[in-house]
Protein backbone atom coordinates (compact mmCIF):
# COMPACT_ATOMS: atom_id res chain seq x y z
CA UNK A 1 0.00 0.00 0.00
CA UNK A 2 1.13 3.53 -0.77
CA UNK A 3 0.04 6.61 1.13
CA UNK A 4 0.25 10.10 -0.34
CA UNK A 5 0.06 13.13 1.93
CA UNK A 6 -0.21 16.64 0.54
CA UNK A 7 0.65 19.87 2.33
CA UNK A 8 1.19 23.52 1.56
CA UNK A 9 -2.28 24.61 0.58
CA UNK A 10 -3.81 27.78 1.90
CA UNK A 11 -5.13 31.18 0.96
CA UNK A 12 -3.28 33.69 -1.15
CA UNK A 13 -4.11 36.84 -3.03
CA UNK A 14 -4.08 36.96 -6.80
CA UNK A 15 -0.56 37.28 -8.09
CA UNK A 16 0.86 35.42 -5.14
CA UNK A 17 2.67 32.08 -4.87
CA UNK A 18 2.32 28.81 -3.03
CA UNK A 19 4.28 25.60 -2.94
CA UNK A 20 2.56 22.28 -2.51
CA UNK A 21 4.30 19.14 -1.33
CA UNK A 22 3.33 15.49 -1.63
CA UNK A 23 5.15 12.77 0.25
CA UNK A 24 4.73 9.11 -0.58
CA UNK A 25 5.18 6.44 2.07
CA UNK A 26 4.65 2.73 2.37
CA UNK A 27 5.44 0.47 -0.58
CA UNK A 28 7.04 3.27 -2.58
CA UNK A 29 8.65 0.85 -5.01
CA UNK A 30 5.18 0.90 -6.57
CA UNK A 31 5.35 4.63 -7.32
CA UNK A 32 6.00 5.59 -10.93
CA UNK A 33 4.90 8.86 -12.54
CA UNK A 34 3.44 11.33 -10.05
CA UNK A 35 1.08 14.16 -10.75
CA UNK A 36 -0.99 17.01 -9.38
CA UNK A 37 -4.67 17.27 -10.19
CA UNK A 38 -7.18 19.87 -9.12
CA UNK A 39 -10.92 20.01 -8.84
CA UNK A 40 -13.43 22.74 -8.18
CA UNK A 41 -17.04 22.04 -7.15
CA UNK A 42 -19.14 21.02 -10.11
CA UNK A 43 -16.16 20.65 -12.39
CA UNK A 44 -14.23 17.66 -13.67
CA UNK A 45 -10.88 16.89 -12.14
CA UNK A 46 -8.11 18.52 -14.16
CA UNK A 47 -4.54 17.35 -14.62
CA UNK A 48 -2.26 20.23 -13.65
CA UNK A 49 1.18 18.71 -14.05
CA UNK A 50 2.93 15.38 -13.95
CA UNK A 51 6.51 14.18 -13.65
CA UNK A 52 8.14 10.86 -14.37
CA UNK A 53 10.64 9.22 -12.06
CA UNK A 54 13.31 10.41 -14.47
CA UNK A 55 12.17 14.01 -14.15
CA UNK A 56 10.32 14.55 -17.41
CA UNK A 57 7.52 17.02 -16.77
CA UNK A 58 4.25 17.86 -18.46
CA UNK A 59 2.03 20.86 -17.78
CA UNK A 60 -1.53 21.77 -18.61
CA UNK A 61 -1.75 24.76 -20.94
CA UNK A 62 -3.52 26.72 -18.22
CA UNK A 63 -0.48 26.61 -15.91
CA UNK A 64 2.42 26.39 -18.35
CA UNK A 65 5.02 28.99 -17.50
CA UNK A 66 3.57 29.72 -14.04
CA UNK A 67 3.73 26.38 -12.25
CA UNK A 68 6.77 24.14 -11.79
CA UNK A 69 6.63 20.51 -10.77
CA UNK A 70 9.71 18.89 -9.29
CA UNK A 71 10.62 15.61 -7.71
CA UNK A 72 13.11 14.30 -5.17
CA UNK A 73 13.15 10.55 -5.62
CA UNK A 74 15.22 9.75 -2.55
CA UNK A 75 12.60 11.50 -0.46
CA UNK A 76 9.62 10.11 -2.42
CA UNK A 77 8.38 13.67 -2.67
CA UNK A 78 7.06 15.92 -5.38
CA UNK A 79 6.46 19.64 -5.26
CA UNK A 80 4.31 22.06 -7.17
CA UNK A 81 5.58 25.61 -7.14
CA UNK A 82 2.70 27.86 -8.16
CA UNK A 83 3.38 31.44 -9.15
CA UNK A 84 1.22 34.28 -10.40
CA UNK A 85 -1.87 32.60 -9.05
CA UNK A 86 -5.27 33.85 -10.12
CA UNK A 87 -8.75 33.07 -8.76
CA UNK A 88 -9.11 30.31 -11.37
CA UNK A 89 -6.51 28.45 -9.37
CA UNK A 90 -8.90 28.01 -6.46
CA UNK A 91 -9.43 24.28 -6.10
CA UNK A 92 -8.61 21.19 -4.11
CA UNK A 93 -5.23 20.00 -5.33
CA UNK A 94 -4.59 16.28 -5.12
CA UNK A 95 -1.45 14.26 -5.55
CA UNK A 96 -1.60 11.10 -7.66
CA UNK A 97 0.90 8.37 -8.33
CA UNK A 98 0.76 5.79 -11.07
CA UNK A 99 1.42 2.29 -9.86
CA UNK A 100 4.18 0.24 -11.46
CA UNK A 101 3.42 -3.03 -13.17
CA UNK A 102 5.46 -5.43 -11.09
CA UNK A 103 5.54 -9.19 -11.14
CA UNK A 104 2.88 -10.56 -8.86
CA UNK A 105 0.61 -7.55 -9.21
CA UNK A 106 1.56 -6.08 -5.86
CA UNK A 107 0.90 -2.49 -6.97
CA UNK A 108 -2.41 -0.78 -7.47
CA UNK A 109 -3.18 1.00 -10.72
CA UNK A 110 -2.88 4.36 -9.01
CA UNK A 111 -2.79 6.04 -5.63
CA UNK A 112 -4.36 9.29 -4.43
CA UNK A 113 -3.87 11.69 -1.59
CA UNK A 114 -6.66 13.40 0.32
CA UNK A 115 -6.06 16.77 -1.29
CA UNK A 116 -5.21 20.23 -0.05
CA UNK A 117 -7.30 23.35 -0.54
CA UNK A 118 -5.89 26.32 -2.41
CA UNK A 119 -7.90 29.52 -2.37
CA UNK A 120 -6.90 32.53 -4.46
CA UNK A 121 -8.70 35.78 -3.76
CA UNK A 122 -8.94 38.68 -6.17
C-alpha atoms as a PDB file:
ATOM      1  CA  UNK A   1       0.000   0.000   0.000  1.00  0.00           C
ATOM      2  CA  UNK A   2       1.133   3.530  -0.768  1.00  0.00           C
ATOM      3  CA  UNK A   3       0.040   6.606   1.126  1.00  0.00           C
ATOM      4  CA  UNK A   4       0.254  10.097  -0.335  1.00  0.00           C
ATOM      5  CA  UNK A   5       0.062  13.130   1.928  1.00  0.00           C
ATOM      6  CA  UNK A   6      -0.209  16.642   0.543  1.00  0.00           C
ATOM      7  CA  UNK A   7       0.654  19.865   2.329  1.00  0.00           C
ATOM      8  CA  UNK A   8       1.193  23.517   1.558  1.00  0.00           C
ATOM      9  CA  UNK A   9      -2.283  24.613   0.582  1.00  0.00           C
ATOM     10  CA  UNK A  10      -3.808  27.780   1.899  1.00  0.00           C
ATOM     11  CA  UNK A  11      -5.133  31.175   0.957  1.00  0.00           C
ATOM     12  CA  UNK A  12      -3.285  33.687  -1.147  1.00  0.00           C
ATOM     13  CA  UNK A  13      -4.113  36.843  -3.034  1.00  0.00           C
ATOM     14  CA  UNK A  14      -4.081  36.959  -6.804  1.00  0.00           C
ATOM     15  CA  UNK A  15      -0.555  37.282  -8.094  1.00  0.00           C
ATOM     16  CA  UNK A  16       0.863  35.419  -5.136  1.00  0.00           C
ATOM     17  CA  UNK A  17       2.667  32.083  -4.875  1.00  0.00           C
ATOM     18  CA  UNK A  18       2.316  28.813  -3.032  1.00  0.00           C
ATOM     19  CA  UNK A  19       4.284  25.604  -2.945  1.00  0.00           C
ATOM     20  CA  UNK A  20       2.559  22.278  -2.513  1.00  0.00           C
ATOM     21  CA  UNK A  21       4.300  19.138  -1.335  1.00  0.00           C
ATOM     22  CA  UNK A  22       3.325  15.493  -1.625  1.00  0.00           C
ATOM     23  CA  UNK A  23       5.149  12.772   0.250  1.00  0.00           C
ATOM     24  CA  UNK A  24       4.728   9.108  -0.578  1.00  0.00           C
ATOM     25  CA  UNK A  25       5.175   6.437   2.069  1.00  0.00           C
ATOM     26  CA  UNK A  26       4.651   2.729   2.374  1.00  0.00           C
ATOM     27  CA  UNK A  27       5.443   0.468  -0.578  1.00  0.00           C
ATOM     28  CA  UNK A  28       7.036   3.274  -2.582  1.00  0.00           C
ATOM     29  CA  UNK A  29       8.654   0.853  -5.006  1.00  0.00           C
ATOM     30  CA  UNK A  30       5.182   0.899  -6.569  1.00  0.00           C
ATOM     31  CA  UNK A  31       5.348   4.631  -7.317  1.00  0.00           C
ATOM     32  CA  UNK A  32       5.998   5.592 -10.926  1.00  0.00           C
ATOM     33  CA  UNK A  33       4.905   8.857 -12.540  1.00  0.00           C
ATOM     34  CA  UNK A  34       3.442  11.328 -10.050  1.00  0.00           C
ATOM     35  CA  UNK A  35       1.077  14.155 -10.750  1.00  0.00           C
ATOM     36  CA  UNK A  36      -0.990  17.011  -9.383  1.00  0.00           C
ATOM     37  CA  UNK A  37      -4.666  17.272 -10.195  1.00  0.00           C
ATOM     38  CA  UNK A  38      -7.176  19.873  -9.119  1.00  0.00           C
ATOM     39  CA  UNK A  39     -10.917  20.008  -8.836  1.00  0.00           C
ATOM     40  CA  UNK A  40     -13.432  22.736  -8.180  1.00  0.00           C
ATOM     41  CA  UNK A  41     -17.044  22.041  -7.146  1.00  0.00           C
ATOM     42  CA  UNK A  42     -19.139  21.019 -10.111  1.00  0.00           C
ATOM     43  CA  UNK A  43     -16.161  20.652 -12.391  1.00  0.00           C
ATOM     44  CA  UNK A  44     -14.225  17.661 -13.670  1.00  0.00           C
ATOM     45  CA  UNK A  45     -10.879  16.890 -12.143  1.00  0.00           C
ATOM     46  CA  UNK A  46      -8.110  18.516 -14.161  1.00  0.00           C
ATOM     47  CA  UNK A  47      -4.543  17.348 -14.621  1.00  0.00           C
ATOM     48  CA  UNK A  48      -2.261  20.229 -13.649  1.00  0.00           C
ATOM     49  CA  UNK A  49       1.184  18.714 -14.051  1.00  0.00           C
ATOM     50  CA  UNK A  50       2.933  15.382 -13.945  1.00  0.00           C
ATOM     51  CA  UNK A  51       6.507  14.184 -13.649  1.00  0.00           C
ATOM     52  CA  UNK A  52       8.135  10.865 -14.368  1.00  0.00           C
ATOM     53  CA  UNK A  53      10.636   9.222 -12.059  1.00  0.00           C
ATOM     54  CA  UNK A  54      13.315  10.409 -14.469  1.00  0.00           C
ATOM     55  CA  UNK A  55      12.172  14.006 -14.151  1.00  0.00           C
ATOM     56  CA  UNK A  56      10.320  14.551 -17.405  1.00  0.00           C
ATOM     57  CA  UNK A  57       7.524  17.021 -16.771  1.00  0.00           C
ATOM     58  CA  UNK A  58       4.247  17.856 -18.458  1.00  0.00           C
ATOM     59  CA  UNK A  59       2.028  20.862 -17.780  1.00  0.00           C
ATOM     60  CA  UNK A  60      -1.530  21.774 -18.613  1.00  0.00           C
ATOM     61  CA  UNK A  61      -1.749  24.759 -20.941  1.00  0.00           C
ATOM     62  CA  UNK A  62      -3.522  26.725 -18.216  1.00  0.00           C
ATOM     63  CA  UNK A  63      -0.485  26.614 -15.915  1.00  0.00           C
ATOM     64  CA  UNK A  64       2.424  26.389 -18.353  1.00  0.00           C
ATOM     65  CA  UNK A  65       5.016  28.991 -17.498  1.00  0.00           C
ATOM     66  CA  UNK A  66       3.574  29.725 -14.041  1.00  0.00           C
ATOM     67  CA  UNK A  67       3.735  26.379 -12.252  1.00  0.00           C
ATOM     68  CA  UNK A  68       6.767  24.143 -11.789  1.00  0.00           C
ATOM     69  CA  UNK A  69       6.632  20.506 -10.767  1.00  0.00           C
ATOM     70  CA  UNK A  70       9.711  18.885  -9.290  1.00  0.00           C
ATOM     71  CA  UNK A  71      10.621  15.608  -7.708  1.00  0.00           C
ATOM     72  CA  UNK A  72      13.115  14.303  -5.170  1.00  0.00           C
ATOM     73  CA  UNK A  73      13.149  10.550  -5.619  1.00  0.00           C
ATOM     74  CA  UNK A  74      15.225   9.746  -2.550  1.00  0.00           C
ATOM     75  CA  UNK A  75      12.596  11.505  -0.460  1.00  0.00           C
ATOM     76  CA  UNK A  76       9.620  10.107  -2.416  1.00  0.00           C
ATOM     77  CA  UNK A  77       8.383  13.668  -2.673  1.00  0.00           C
ATOM     78  CA  UNK A  78       7.058  15.917  -5.382  1.00  0.00           C
ATOM     79  CA  UNK A  79       6.464  19.640  -5.260  1.00  0.00           C
ATOM     80  CA  UNK A  80       4.312  22.057  -7.169  1.00  0.00           C
ATOM     81  CA  UNK A  81       5.583  25.611  -7.136  1.00  0.00           C
ATOM     82  CA  UNK A  82       2.703  27.857  -8.162  1.00  0.00           C
ATOM     83  CA  UNK A  83       3.385  31.438  -9.155  1.00  0.00           C
ATOM     84  CA  UNK A  84       1.223  34.283 -10.401  1.00  0.00           C
ATOM     85  CA  UNK A  85      -1.867  32.604  -9.051  1.00  0.00           C
ATOM     86  CA  UNK A  86      -5.274  33.850 -10.118  1.00  0.00           C
ATOM     87  CA  UNK A  87      -8.752  33.073  -8.763  1.00  0.00           C
ATOM     88  CA  UNK A  88      -9.111  30.310 -11.372  1.00  0.00           C
ATOM     89  CA  UNK A  89      -6.509  28.451  -9.371  1.00  0.00           C
ATOM     90  CA  UNK A  90      -8.902  28.015  -6.462  1.00  0.00           C
ATOM     91  CA  UNK A  91      -9.430  24.277  -6.096  1.00  0.00           C
ATOM     92  CA  UNK A  92      -8.609  21.192  -4.110  1.00  0.00           C
ATOM     93  CA  UNK A  93      -5.234  19.996  -5.326  1.00  0.00           C
ATOM     94  CA  UNK A  94      -4.589  16.284  -5.115  1.00  0.00           C
ATOM     95  CA  UNK A  95      -1.445  14.256  -5.554  1.00  0.00           C
ATOM     96  CA  UNK A  96      -1.602  11.098  -7.661  1.00  0.00           C
ATOM     97  CA  UNK A  97       0.899   8.366  -8.331  1.00  0.00           C
ATOM     98  CA  UNK A  98       0.761   5.789 -11.075  1.00  0.00           C
ATOM     99  CA  UNK A  99       1.422   2.288  -9.862  1.00  0.00           C
ATOM    100  CA  UNK A 100       4.182   0.240 -11.461  1.00  0.00           C
ATOM    101  CA  UNK A 101       3.422  -3.032 -13.169  1.00  0.00           C
ATOM    102  CA  UNK A 102       5.461  -5.425 -11.093  1.00  0.00           C
ATOM    103  CA  UNK A 103       5.538  -9.191 -11.142  1.00  0.00           C
ATOM    104  CA  UNK A 104       2.883 -10.562  -8.864  1.00  0.00           C
ATOM    105  CA  UNK A 105       0.615  -7.553  -9.206  1.00  0.00           C
ATOM    106  CA  UNK A 106       1.560  -6.084  -5.863  1.00  0.00           C
ATOM    107  CA  UNK A 107       0.905  -2.493  -6.966  1.00  0.00           C
ATOM    108  CA  UNK A 108      -2.407  -0.779  -7.473  1.00  0.00           C
ATOM    109  CA  UNK A 109      -3.184   1.003 -10.717  1.00  0.00           C
ATOM    110  CA  UNK A 110      -2.880   4.359  -9.013  1.00  0.00           C
ATOM    111  CA  UNK A 111      -2.792   6.039  -5.626  1.00  0.00           C
ATOM    112  CA  UNK A 112      -4.357   9.289  -4.429  1.00  0.00           C
ATOM    113  CA  UNK A 113      -3.866  11.691  -1.589  1.00  0.00           C
ATOM    114  CA  UNK A 114      -6.661  13.403   0.321  1.00  0.00           C
ATOM    115  CA  UNK A 115      -6.060  16.774  -1.290  1.00  0.00           C
ATOM    116  CA  UNK A 116      -5.210  20.229  -0.051  1.00  0.00           C
ATOM    117  CA  UNK A 117      -7.299  23.349  -0.540  1.00  0.00           C
ATOM    118  CA  UNK A 118      -5.889  26.320  -2.409  1.00  0.00           C
ATOM    119  CA  UNK A 119      -7.896  29.523  -2.370  1.00  0.00           C
ATOM    120  CA  UNK A 120      -6.902  32.527  -4.464  1.00  0.00           C
ATOM    121  CA  UNK A 121      -8.700  35.777  -3.758  1.00  0.00           C
ATOM    122  CA  UNK A 122      -8.935  38.680  -6.172  1.00  0.00           C
END
